[in-house]
Amino acid sequence: MKILVFEYITGGGFNKQNLPAALLAEGCLMLQALLDDMNRYAALGHELDVLVMLDERVNALINTSGMQVVFISPEQNTTDEFRRLAHDCEAIWPIAPEFDGLLQGLCQVVADLNKLLLTSPASAVALAGDKWLSYQQLKQHQIATVPSRLFTGVEQYEGDSSSWLVKAIEGVGCLDSYIVTTRQDFMAMQARSGHYIIQPQLVGQTISLSCLFKQGRAWLLCANQQQFTISKQQYHLAQLIVNYTDDVAAYRPLADAIALAFPELWGYVGIDLIETPEQTWVLEINPRLTTSFVAIHDALGLNMVETVLQLVHAEPQLKTQGHQAITVQVSS
């Protein structure tokens, strides 16, 4: 099987501008973990021909040994290159942010070419990747999610010391989310371009779930603890403890409920939660590889390439070969 791997940040998505440092760090982690799994899978005797798109500036950051690399220069149109290369491959594995419809657009290109997409389809990305639509879908299916409203501006300021989170509807992670407390904060947010939702800032433990999905079914792989720092009114993911607990039974009903509410989710999906003393709330659903993915092999002995390819024709065979917590340092 010939597979095209395209991680947007490292693969040329920013080839005409400076690489965003925070996104680049996480992009490199995810891409390297995926390529490592592909090498392990091929080492078992499976025929796998891997083609990797790579921004020429990050060549030294990624080990692509044994793989064919297409370097992307500033002069090239990355989307056109993606389409051209995908045309000659059997399967495509895109990793991209949801903002500006990036991930949805890539998935649609794969569908238009009638190629095998190894992630959720464009329709699932359109729903799960839109924080407002996703909130409504979760609420409709009685799944506890943080109360949200569309952000309309300073008139929503309530005149007290309450803290709120304002998030870009198609934002990724914490990149375009802001803590707002004062009237001045609300006015500053109102001056920003884009579409946002506003949520109360809850205090609790931040958890993510790593799952596989297919046709309304979910397989929970592990639960991960997220640790954040705050700088300039924004959260920044500092580190993850992947597979932080052996006891994931309490999360399985939630994963199953999300699978039924979002039946088009397919392949690896990350779910962000916040646990308060009263409730476990769903923050967002990420229909793609997430940073937690990078340590799943070390934590569980699972090869995600193998399990996702199994998912194409059958149920995944989740035979773990270990069970340990792995800490991933994301930023200092």
Foldseek 3Di string as FASTA:
>chain_A
DEEEEEELQFQCVQQQHDRDVLSVLLSLLVVQLQLVLVVVVVVVVDDYAYEYRGAPVCVVSHDNPPHHYDYDHSVDDRVVVLLVVLLPGQEYAYHYAPPPNVVLVSLVSCVVSVHHYLFFHSVLCVQQQFQVNVVVLCVVLVHFAFDKDKQDFLVPQPPDQFWKKKAARRGDDFPGIFIDGDSVSRHVVNPDDGIIMMGGDDDAWKKKWKWFAAQLAIDTQAMKTWDWDDDPRITDTFKMWTRADPDCVVCRVVRSSVCNSRVRGGAIKMWMWGDDPVDIHTHGIGRHDGSSSSCSCVAFVDSSVQQSVCRVPHHGDRDTDHHDIDMDGSHD
